[in-house]
Amino acid sequence: MYVLDTSGSMGGERLDRLKSALAELTEDFRDREEVTLMPFGSSVKRAEVRTHTVDPASPKAALEAIRADAGKLSASGGTAVYSSLQEAYRFLGKAPGDDSFTSVVLMTDGENTDGDPASAFDAFYRALPAGQRRTPVFPILFGDSDRGELDHIASLTGGKLFDATRGSLDGAFEEIRGYQ
């Protein structure tokens, strides 16, 4: 699942870079992979949440749909990092099966300004069933993000922080793919 900050601060060049990186990333999606794009600003933009499954018989259709959805992303609102992560875990539901790997990629350019604080996410996460807590979050540091907040999310969930301020956004996505 890709939890994507599309807050007002992501407008212009930052949003264009995100769209471009997602379009490039589609080449790496594998057969039967389920890809969910969950944009957020002040809250999750529920009407824009889309899930695509790459059908081995016709992968091109899903990949084109992912690119199209990425191209439609628009910037608005504040930045509700923790509330959006809670929504991502609720969306994913119970623990994945033994033969699948589920992860959350958090892409944000700012610090949490709206919704729940870090302490609420921490309590929410700790209350999840053990199987669901095996789903790591891989935050991508981008723009003026609060490194400490994102590092805390990665540490809490068993993920890893990726720094796209010192490298390319495409490179961060590619490195995350190595964990999936």
N, C-alpha and C. Protein backbone atom coordinates (compact mmCIF):
# COMPACT_ATOMS: atom_id res chain seq x y z
N MET A 1 0.84 -1.17 0.00
CA MET A 1 0.00 0.00 0.00
C MET A 1 0.89 1.23 0.00
N TYR A 2 0.53 2.21 -0.81
CA TYR A 2 1.25 3.46 -0.91
C TYR A 2 0.37 4.57 -0.33
N VAL A 3 0.78 5.10 0.84
CA VAL A 3 0.07 6.17 1.51
C VAL A 3 0.78 7.46 1.09
N LEU A 4 0.09 8.27 0.30
CA LEU A 4 0.72 9.37 -0.43
C LEU A 4 0.24 10.73 0.07
N ASP A 5 1.16 11.53 0.55
CA ASP A 5 0.86 12.88 1.00
C ASP A 5 0.57 13.74 -0.22
N THR A 6 -0.67 14.18 -0.34
CA THR A 6 -1.05 15.11 -1.40
C THR A 6 -1.61 16.38 -0.77
N SER A 7 -0.98 16.79 0.34
CA SER A 7 -1.38 18.02 1.02
C SER A 7 -0.99 19.22 0.17
N GLY A 8 -1.44 20.38 0.58
CA GLY A 8 -1.15 21.61 -0.15
C GLY A 8 0.34 21.86 -0.34
N SER A 9 1.15 21.44 0.62
CA SER A 9 2.59 21.68 0.51
C SER A 9 3.24 20.80 -0.56
N MET A 10 2.51 19.81 -1.06
CA MET A 10 3.05 18.91 -2.09
C MET A 10 2.79 19.43 -3.50
N GLY A 11 2.22 20.60 -3.63
CA GLY A 11 1.90 21.12 -4.96
C GLY A 11 3.13 21.35 -5.82
N GLY A 12 2.89 21.54 -7.09
CA GLY A 12 3.96 21.89 -8.02
C GLY A 12 4.96 20.79 -8.27
N GLU A 13 6.24 21.16 -8.18
CA GLU A 13 7.34 20.25 -8.53
C GLU A 13 7.34 18.99 -7.67
N ARG A 14 7.05 19.10 -6.38
CA ARG A 14 7.07 17.92 -5.51
C ARG A 14 6.03 16.89 -5.95
N LEU A 15 4.83 17.35 -6.23
CA LEU A 15 3.79 16.43 -6.66
C LEU A 15 4.13 15.84 -8.03
N ASP A 16 4.69 16.65 -8.90
CA ASP A 16 5.10 16.14 -10.21
C ASP A 16 6.15 15.05 -10.07
N ARG A 17 7.11 15.22 -9.14
CA ARG A 17 8.14 14.20 -8.90
C ARG A 17 7.51 12.92 -8.37
N LEU A 18 6.53 13.05 -7.47
CA LEU A 18 5.84 11.88 -6.94
C LEU A 18 5.10 11.13 -8.05
N LYS A 19 4.39 11.85 -8.87
CA LYS A 19 3.66 11.22 -9.97
C LYS A 19 4.61 10.49 -10.91
N SER A 20 5.70 11.14 -11.24
CA SER A 20 6.69 10.54 -12.14
C SER A 20 7.30 9.28 -11.53
N ALA A 21 7.65 9.34 -10.25
CA ALA A 21 8.24 8.18 -9.59
C ALA A 21 7.26 7.02 -9.53
N LEU A 22 5.99 7.29 -9.27
CA LEU A 22 4.99 6.22 -9.25
C LEU A 22 4.82 5.61 -10.63
N ALA A 23 4.83 6.45 -11.66
CA ALA A 23 4.71 5.93 -13.03
C ALA A 23 5.87 5.01 -13.36
N GLU A 24 7.08 5.40 -12.96
CA GLU A 24 8.26 4.57 -13.20
C GLU A 24 8.18 3.26 -12.41
N LEU A 25 7.66 3.35 -11.20
CA LEU A 25 7.58 2.19 -10.32
C LEU A 25 6.69 1.10 -10.88
N THR A 26 5.72 1.47 -11.71
CA THR A 26 4.80 0.45 -12.23
C THR A 26 5.52 -0.65 -12.99
N GLU A 27 6.67 -0.35 -13.54
CA GLU A 27 7.42 -1.38 -14.27
C GLU A 27 7.92 -2.48 -13.35
N ASP A 28 7.97 -2.20 -12.04
CA ASP A 28 8.49 -3.18 -11.08
C ASP A 28 7.41 -4.03 -10.41
N PHE A 29 6.13 -3.72 -10.63
CA PHE A 29 5.09 -4.50 -10.00
C PHE A 29 5.02 -5.89 -10.63
N ARG A 30 4.82 -6.89 -9.78
CA ARG A 30 4.85 -8.29 -10.21
C ARG A 30 3.44 -8.85 -10.41
N ASP A 31 3.39 -9.98 -11.10
CA ASP A 31 2.11 -10.67 -11.30
C ASP A 31 1.43 -10.93 -9.95
N ARG A 32 0.15 -10.70 -9.93
CA ARG A 32 -0.73 -10.92 -8.77
C ARG A 32 -0.47 -9.93 -7.62
N GLU A 33 0.42 -8.99 -7.83
CA GLU A 33 0.68 -8.00 -6.78
C GLU A 33 -0.53 -7.06 -6.66
N GLU A 34 -0.91 -6.81 -5.42
CA GLU A 34 -2.01 -5.89 -5.15
C GLU A 34 -1.41 -4.55 -4.74
N VAL A 35 -1.78 -3.50 -5.47
CA VAL A 35 -1.24 -2.17 -5.25
C VAL A 35 -2.38 -1.22 -4.90
N THR A 36 -2.29 -0.62 -3.71
CA THR A 36 -3.30 0.35 -3.29
C THR A 36 -2.64 1.71 -3.17
N LEU A 37 -3.25 2.71 -3.79
CA LEU A 37 -2.82 4.09 -3.67
C LEU A 37 -3.81 4.78 -2.73
N MET A 38 -3.31 5.33 -1.63
CA MET A 38 -4.16 6.00 -0.64
C MET A 38 -3.64 7.43 -0.43
N PRO A 39 -4.16 8.39 -1.22
CA PRO A 39 -3.73 9.77 -1.05
C PRO A 39 -4.36 10.40 0.20
N PHE A 40 -3.62 11.32 0.81
CA PHE A 40 -4.16 12.03 1.97
C PHE A 40 -3.68 13.47 1.98
N GLY A 41 -4.44 14.28 2.68
CA GLY A 41 -4.10 15.66 2.99
C GLY A 41 -4.42 15.84 4.46
N SER A 42 -5.48 16.59 4.74
CA SER A 42 -5.95 16.74 6.12
C SER A 42 -6.56 15.46 6.65
N SER A 43 -6.92 14.57 5.74
CA SER A 43 -7.42 13.23 6.05
C SER A 43 -7.24 12.40 4.79
N VAL A 44 -7.56 11.11 4.89
CA VAL A 44 -7.47 10.25 3.70
C VAL A 44 -8.52 10.71 2.69
N LYS A 45 -8.12 10.81 1.45
CA LYS A 45 -9.03 11.21 0.38
C LYS A 45 -9.72 9.95 -0.13
N ARG A 46 -10.72 9.51 0.64
CA ARG A 46 -11.37 8.21 0.42
C ARG A 46 -11.86 8.00 -1.01
N ALA A 47 -12.38 9.04 -1.62
CA ALA A 47 -12.91 8.90 -2.98
C ALA A 47 -11.81 8.61 -3.99
N GLU A 48 -10.55 8.84 -3.61
CA GLU A 48 -9.43 8.63 -4.53
C GLU A 48 -8.63 7.37 -4.23
N VAL A 49 -9.01 6.61 -3.20
CA VAL A 49 -8.30 5.38 -2.86
C VAL A 49 -8.62 4.33 -3.92
N ARG A 50 -7.59 3.76 -4.50
CA ARG A 50 -7.76 2.76 -5.55
C ARG A 50 -6.84 1.57 -5.30
N THR A 51 -7.36 0.37 -5.54
CA THR A 51 -6.58 -0.86 -5.45
C THR A 51 -6.58 -1.53 -6.81
N HIS A 52 -5.41 -1.95 -7.23
CA HIS A 52 -5.25 -2.64 -8.52
C HIS A 52 -4.48 -3.93 -8.27
N THR A 53 -4.90 -5.00 -8.93
CA THR A 53 -4.19 -6.27 -8.86
C THR A 53 -3.63 -6.56 -10.25
N VAL A 54 -2.34 -6.85 -10.29
CA VAL A 54 -1.68 -7.12 -11.56
C VAL A 54 -2.02 -8.54 -11.99
N ASP A 55 -2.84 -8.65 -13.02
CA ASP A 55 -3.29 -9.94 -13.54
C ASP A 55 -2.20 -10.50 -14.46
N PRO A 56 -1.70 -11.71 -14.16
CA PRO A 56 -0.64 -12.27 -15.01
C PRO A 56 -1.05 -12.42 -16.47
N ALA A 57 -2.35 -12.61 -16.71
CA ALA A 57 -2.82 -12.79 -18.08
C ALA A 57 -2.87 -11.46 -18.84
N SER A 58 -2.98 -10.35 -18.10
CA SER A 58 -3.07 -9.05 -18.74
C SER A 58 -2.54 -7.96 -17.81
N PRO A 59 -1.24 -7.97 -17.54
CA PRO A 59 -0.68 -7.02 -16.57
C PRO A 59 -0.76 -5.57 -17.02
N LYS A 60 -0.77 -5.33 -18.32
CA LYS A 60 -0.74 -3.98 -18.84
C LYS A 60 -1.94 -3.14 -18.36
N ALA A 61 -3.10 -3.75 -18.24
CA ALA A 61 -4.30 -3.01 -17.83
C ALA A 61 -4.14 -2.43 -16.43
N ALA A 62 -3.65 -3.23 -15.49
CA ALA A 62 -3.48 -2.74 -14.12
C ALA A 62 -2.38 -1.68 -14.06
N LEU A 63 -1.30 -1.89 -14.77
CA LEU A 63 -0.19 -0.94 -14.75
C LEU A 63 -0.61 0.40 -15.34
N GLU A 64 -1.39 0.37 -16.40
CA GLU A 64 -1.89 1.62 -16.99
C GLU A 64 -2.86 2.31 -16.04
N ALA A 65 -3.67 1.53 -15.32
CA ALA A 65 -4.62 2.12 -14.37
C ALA A 65 -3.88 2.77 -13.20
N ILE A 66 -2.81 2.15 -12.74
CA ILE A 66 -2.00 2.74 -11.65
C ILE A 66 -1.39 4.05 -12.12
N ARG A 67 -0.82 4.05 -13.33
CA ARG A 67 -0.24 5.28 -13.88
C ARG A 67 -1.30 6.37 -14.01
N ALA A 68 -2.47 6.00 -14.47
CA ALA A 68 -3.55 6.98 -14.63
C ALA A 68 -3.97 7.56 -13.28
N ASP A 69 -4.11 6.70 -12.27
CA ASP A 69 -4.48 7.19 -10.94
C ASP A 69 -3.40 8.08 -10.36
N ALA A 70 -2.15 7.73 -10.57
CA ALA A 70 -1.05 8.57 -10.09
C ALA A 70 -1.09 9.93 -10.78
N GLY A 71 -1.39 9.93 -12.05
CA GLY A 71 -1.46 11.19 -12.80
C GLY A 71 -2.57 12.11 -12.35
N LYS A 72 -3.60 11.57 -11.73
CA LYS A 72 -4.74 12.37 -11.26
C LYS A 72 -4.54 12.97 -9.88
N LEU A 73 -3.46 12.61 -9.18
CA LEU A 73 -3.25 13.13 -7.83
C LEU A 73 -3.18 14.65 -7.86
N SER A 74 -3.84 15.27 -6.88
CA SER A 74 -3.80 16.73 -6.78
C SER A 74 -3.58 17.13 -5.32
N ALA A 75 -3.00 18.29 -5.13
CA ALA A 75 -2.61 18.75 -3.80
C ALA A 75 -3.70 19.60 -3.16
N SER A 76 -3.98 19.30 -1.87
CA SER A 76 -4.91 20.12 -1.08
C SER A 76 -4.85 19.70 0.37
N GLY A 77 -5.15 20.63 1.25
CA GLY A 77 -5.28 20.33 2.67
C GLY A 77 -3.97 20.35 3.44
N GLY A 78 -4.08 19.94 4.71
CA GLY A 78 -2.93 19.86 5.60
C GLY A 78 -2.26 18.50 5.48
N THR A 79 -1.57 18.08 6.54
CA THR A 79 -0.81 16.83 6.50
C THR A 79 -1.16 15.97 7.72
N ALA A 80 -2.00 14.97 7.51
CA ALA A 80 -2.45 14.08 8.59
C ALA A 80 -1.73 12.74 8.49
N VAL A 81 -0.47 12.72 8.86
CA VAL A 81 0.35 11.52 8.72
C VAL A 81 -0.20 10.37 9.56
N TYR A 82 -0.37 10.58 10.87
CA TYR A 82 -0.72 9.49 11.78
C TYR A 82 -2.14 8.99 11.56
N SER A 83 -3.09 9.88 11.34
CA SER A 83 -4.46 9.44 11.07
C SER A 83 -4.53 8.63 9.78
N SER A 84 -3.73 9.04 8.79
CA SER A 84 -3.72 8.33 7.51
C SER A 84 -3.10 6.94 7.65
N LEU A 85 -2.07 6.82 8.46
CA LEU A 85 -1.49 5.49 8.71
C LEU A 85 -2.48 4.58 9.42
N GLN A 86 -3.24 5.12 10.35
CA GLN A 86 -4.26 4.31 11.01
C GLN A 86 -5.28 3.82 9.99
N GLU A 87 -5.68 4.70 9.08
CA GLU A 87 -6.62 4.30 8.02
C GLU A 87 -6.01 3.22 7.14
N ALA A 88 -4.72 3.31 6.87
CA ALA A 88 -4.07 2.29 6.04
C ALA A 88 -4.13 0.93 6.72
N TYR A 89 -3.83 0.88 8.01
CA TYR A 89 -3.89 -0.40 8.73
C TYR A 89 -5.32 -0.92 8.79
N ARG A 90 -6.29 -0.05 8.97
CA ARG A 90 -7.69 -0.49 8.96
C ARG A 90 -8.06 -1.05 7.59
N PHE A 91 -7.62 -0.38 6.54
CA PHE A 91 -7.91 -0.80 5.18
C PHE A 91 -7.31 -2.18 4.90
N LEU A 92 -6.09 -2.38 5.36
CA LEU A 92 -5.42 -3.66 5.12
C LEU A 92 -6.06 -4.80 5.89
N GLY A 93 -6.71 -4.46 7.00
CA GLY A 93 -7.42 -5.48 7.77
C GLY A 93 -6.50 -6.42 8.50
N LYS A 94 -6.96 -7.65 8.64
CA LYS A 94 -6.20 -8.63 9.42
C LYS A 94 -4.88 -9.00 8.77
N ALA A 95 -4.11 -9.77 9.48
CA ALA A 95 -2.76 -10.14 9.05
C ALA A 95 -2.78 -10.85 7.69
N PRO A 96 -1.75 -10.62 6.88
CA PRO A 96 -1.67 -11.31 5.59
C PRO A 96 -1.40 -12.80 5.78
N GLY A 97 -1.68 -13.57 4.75
CA GLY A 97 -1.40 -15.01 4.79
C GLY A 97 0.08 -15.27 4.82
N ASP A 98 0.45 -16.51 5.07
CA ASP A 98 1.86 -16.89 5.18
C ASP A 98 2.64 -16.65 3.90
N ASP A 99 1.98 -16.72 2.75
CA ASP A 99 2.71 -16.63 1.49
C ASP A 99 2.71 -15.21 0.89
N SER A 100 2.25 -14.24 1.64
CA SER A 100 2.24 -12.88 1.10
C SER A 100 2.97 -11.92 2.03
N PHE A 101 3.42 -10.84 1.45
CA PHE A 101 4.09 -9.80 2.21
C PHE A 101 3.33 -8.51 2.00
N THR A 102 2.91 -7.90 3.08
CA THR A 102 2.19 -6.64 3.02
C THR A 102 3.03 -5.57 3.68
N SER A 103 3.10 -4.42 3.04
CA SER A 103 3.83 -3.30 3.62
C SER A 103 3.12 -2.00 3.28
N VAL A 104 3.49 -0.96 4.01
CA VAL A 104 2.96 0.37 3.77
C VAL A 104 4.15 1.27 3.43
N VAL A 105 4.07 1.95 2.30
CA VAL A 105 5.06 2.94 1.92
C VAL A 105 4.42 4.30 2.18
N LEU A 106 5.03 5.07 3.07
CA LEU A 106 4.52 6.40 3.41
C LEU A 106 5.38 7.44 2.73
N MET A 107 4.77 8.22 1.87
CA MET A 107 5.47 9.29 1.16
C MET A 107 4.91 10.61 1.64
N THR A 108 5.76 11.42 2.31
CA THR A 108 5.30 12.72 2.80
C THR A 108 6.42 13.75 2.70
N ASP A 109 6.01 15.00 2.50
CA ASP A 109 6.99 16.08 2.43
C ASP A 109 6.91 16.99 3.64
N GLY A 110 6.11 16.63 4.63
CA GLY A 110 5.96 17.53 5.76
C GLY A 110 5.74 16.81 7.06
N GLU A 111 5.64 17.57 8.11
CA GLU A 111 5.38 16.99 9.41
C GLU A 111 3.88 16.99 9.64
N ASN A 112 3.44 16.18 10.59
CA ASN A 112 2.03 16.05 10.91
C ASN A 112 1.47 17.39 11.39
N THR A 113 0.45 17.90 10.67
CA THR A 113 -0.18 19.16 11.06
C THR A 113 -1.66 18.99 11.37
N ASP A 114 -2.25 17.89 10.96
CA ASP A 114 -3.68 17.65 11.14
C ASP A 114 -3.90 16.24 11.69
N GLY A 115 -5.09 16.01 12.20
CA GLY A 115 -5.45 14.67 12.67
C GLY A 115 -4.76 14.31 13.96
N ASP A 116 -4.65 13.01 14.20
CA ASP A 116 -4.11 12.49 15.45
C ASP A 116 -2.61 12.75 15.60
N PRO A 117 -2.16 12.89 16.85
CA PRO A 117 -0.72 13.02 17.11
C PRO A 117 -0.03 11.67 17.11
N ALA A 118 1.28 11.68 17.21
CA ALA A 118 2.09 10.45 17.22
C ALA A 118 1.64 9.50 18.33
N SER A 119 1.34 10.03 19.50
CA SER A 119 0.96 9.17 20.63
C SER A 119 -0.30 8.36 20.33
N ALA A 120 -1.23 8.93 19.58
CA ALA A 120 -2.45 8.20 19.22
C ALA A 120 -2.12 7.06 18.26
N PHE A 121 -1.23 7.32 17.30
CA PHE A 121 -0.83 6.24 16.38
C PHE A 121 -0.10 5.15 17.14
N ASP A 122 0.80 5.53 18.04
CA ASP A 122 1.54 4.54 18.83
C ASP A 122 0.58 3.62 19.58
N ALA A 123 -0.42 4.20 20.24
CA ALA A 123 -1.40 3.40 20.99
C ALA A 123 -2.21 2.52 20.04
N PHE A 124 -2.63 3.08 18.91
CA PHE A 124 -3.38 2.32 17.91
C PHE A 124 -2.55 1.13 17.43
N TYR A 125 -1.30 1.38 17.07
CA TYR A 125 -0.44 0.34 16.54
C TYR A 125 -0.22 -0.77 17.57
N ARG A 126 0.06 -0.39 18.80
CA ARG A 126 0.32 -1.39 19.85
C ARG A 126 -0.91 -2.24 20.17
N ALA A 127 -2.10 -1.72 19.86
CA ALA A 127 -3.34 -2.45 20.11
C ALA A 127 -3.72 -3.39 18.96
N LEU A 128 -3.01 -3.30 17.85
CA LEU A 128 -3.30 -4.18 16.71
C LEU A 128 -2.97 -5.62 17.08
N PRO A 129 -3.65 -6.58 16.47
CA PRO A 129 -3.27 -7.98 16.67
C PRO A 129 -1.82 -8.20 16.21
N ALA A 130 -1.14 -9.14 16.83
CA ALA A 130 0.28 -9.39 16.54
C ALA A 130 0.54 -9.58 15.05
N GLY A 131 -0.31 -10.30 14.37
CA GLY A 131 -0.12 -10.53 12.93
C GLY A 131 -0.15 -9.25 12.12
N GLN A 132 -1.00 -8.34 12.49
CA GLN A 132 -1.09 -7.07 11.77
C GLN A 132 0.12 -6.19 12.05
N ARG A 133 0.69 -6.33 13.23
CA ARG A 133 1.87 -5.54 13.57
C ARG A 133 3.10 -6.00 12.77
N ARG A 134 2.99 -7.10 12.03
CA ARG A 134 4.09 -7.53 11.15
C ARG A 134 4.14 -6.74 9.85
N THR A 135 3.16 -5.87 9.63
CA THR A 135 3.14 -5.04 8.43
C THR A 135 3.97 -3.79 8.68
N PRO A 136 5.16 -3.70 8.07
CA PRO A 136 6.04 -2.55 8.31
C PRO A 136 5.63 -1.32 7.51
N VAL A 137 6.05 -0.17 8.01
CA VAL A 137 5.89 1.09 7.27
C VAL A 137 7.28 1.53 6.84
N PHE A 138 7.40 1.85 5.55
CA PHE A 138 8.62 2.36 4.98
C PHE A 138 8.40 3.84 4.62
N PRO A 139 8.71 4.75 5.54
CA PRO A 139 8.55 6.18 5.23
C PRO A 139 9.65 6.65 4.29
N ILE A 140 9.28 7.58 3.42
CA ILE A 140 10.25 8.21 2.54
C ILE A 140 10.35 9.68 2.94
N LEU A 141 11.53 10.09 3.36
CA LEU A 141 11.82 11.47 3.72
C LEU A 141 11.94 12.27 2.44
N PHE A 142 11.11 13.31 2.33
CA PHE A 142 10.99 14.05 1.09
C PHE A 142 10.63 15.48 1.45
N GLY A 143 11.34 16.43 0.94
CA GLY A 143 11.01 17.82 1.26
C GLY A 143 11.39 18.16 2.69
N ASP A 144 10.48 18.83 3.38
CA ASP A 144 10.74 19.32 4.73
C ASP A 144 10.20 18.40 5.80
N SER A 145 10.12 17.12 5.54
CA SER A 145 9.58 16.15 6.49
C SER A 145 10.35 16.18 7.80
N ASP A 146 9.67 15.81 8.87
CA ASP A 146 10.30 15.70 10.18
C ASP A 146 10.97 14.33 10.26
N ARG A 147 12.28 14.30 10.13
CA ARG A 147 13.03 13.05 10.12
C ARG A 147 12.76 12.23 11.38
N GLY A 148 12.71 12.88 12.53
CA GLY A 148 12.47 12.18 13.79
C GLY A 148 11.13 11.47 13.80
N GLU A 149 10.07 12.13 13.31
CA GLU A 149 8.75 11.51 13.25
C GLU A 149 8.77 10.28 12.36
N LEU A 150 9.37 10.43 11.18
CA LEU A 150 9.37 9.33 10.22
C LEU A 150 10.25 8.17 10.69
N ASP A 151 11.36 8.48 11.33
CA ASP A 151 12.23 7.44 11.87
C ASP A 151 11.50 6.68 12.98
N HIS A 152 10.74 7.39 13.79
CA HIS A 152 9.96 6.75 14.85
C HIS A 152 8.94 5.77 14.26
N ILE A 153 8.25 6.19 13.20
CA ILE A 153 7.26 5.32 12.55
C ILE A 153 7.94 4.05 12.04
N ALA A 154 9.07 4.21 11.37
CA ALA A 154 9.80 3.05 10.83
C ALA A 154 10.24 2.12 11.96
N SER A 155 10.80 2.67 13.01
CA SER A 155 11.27 1.85 14.14
C SER A 155 10.13 1.11 14.82
N LEU A 156 9.03 1.82 15.05
CA LEU A 156 7.87 1.22 15.72
C LEU A 156 7.31 0.04 14.94
N THR A 157 7.24 0.18 13.62
CA THR A 157 6.56 -0.81 12.79
C THR A 157 7.47 -1.86 12.17
N GLY A 158 8.77 -1.73 12.40
CA GLY A 158 9.70 -2.70 11.81
C GLY A 158 10.09 -2.37 10.39
N GLY A 159 9.85 -1.14 9.96
CA GLY A 159 10.21 -0.71 8.62
C GLY A 159 11.58 -0.06 8.60
N LYS A 160 11.80 0.76 7.59
CA LYS A 160 13.06 1.46 7.45
C LYS A 160 12.77 2.81 6.82
N LEU A 161 13.48 3.84 7.29
CA LEU A 161 13.35 5.18 6.73
C LEU A 161 14.25 5.30 5.51
N PHE A 162 13.71 5.87 4.44
CA PHE A 162 14.47 6.13 3.22
C PHE A 162 14.52 7.63 3.00
N ASP A 163 15.69 8.14 2.66
CA ASP A 163 15.90 9.57 2.52
C ASP A 163 15.99 9.95 1.05
N ALA A 164 14.92 10.52 0.51
CA ALA A 164 14.90 10.95 -0.88
C ALA A 164 15.41 12.38 -1.03
N THR A 165 15.80 13.03 0.09
CA THR A 165 16.37 14.37 -0.01
C THR A 165 17.83 14.28 -0.43
N ARG A 166 18.45 13.13 -0.22
CA ARG A 166 19.87 12.94 -0.57
C ARG A 166 20.04 12.08 -1.82
N GLY A 167 18.95 11.64 -2.37
CA GLY A 167 18.98 10.82 -3.58
C GLY A 167 17.68 11.03 -4.32
N SER A 168 17.43 10.19 -5.28
CA SER A 168 16.21 10.35 -6.07
C SER A 168 15.03 9.66 -5.41
N LEU A 169 13.87 10.17 -5.69
CA LEU A 169 12.64 9.54 -5.23
C LEU A 169 12.49 8.18 -5.89
N ASP A 170 12.84 8.09 -7.17
CA ASP A 170 12.81 6.82 -7.88
C ASP A 170 13.70 5.80 -7.17
N GLY A 171 14.90 6.25 -6.76
CA GLY A 171 15.84 5.36 -6.07
C GLY A 171 15.30 4.86 -4.75
N ALA A 172 14.60 5.73 -4.01
CA ALA A 172 14.00 5.32 -2.73
C ALA A 172 12.94 4.24 -2.97
N PHE A 173 12.08 4.45 -3.97
CA PHE A 173 11.06 3.46 -4.29
C PHE A 173 11.70 2.14 -4.70
N GLU A 174 12.74 2.21 -5.50
CA GLU A 174 13.41 0.98 -5.95
C GLU A 174 14.03 0.24 -4.78
N GLU A 175 14.64 0.97 -3.85
CA GLU A 175 15.25 0.32 -2.69
C GLU A 175 14.19 -0.35 -1.81
N ILE A 176 13.05 0.30 -1.66
CA ILE A 176 11.96 -0.28 -0.87
C ILE A 176 11.48 -1.58 -1.51
N ARG A 177 11.45 -1.61 -2.84
CA ARG A 177 11.01 -2.82 -3.55
C ARG A 177 11.86 -4.02 -3.13
N GLY A 178 13.11 -3.79 -2.78
CA GLY A 178 13.99 -4.88 -2.34
C GLY A 178 13.53 -5.51 -1.04
N TYR A 179 12.75 -4.79 -0.25
CA TYR A 179 12.23 -5.32 1.01
C TYR A 179 10.90 -6.02 0.83
N GLN A 180 10.27 -5.81 -0.32
CA GLN A 180 8.91 -6.34 -0.51
C GLN A 180 8.92 -7.69 -1.19
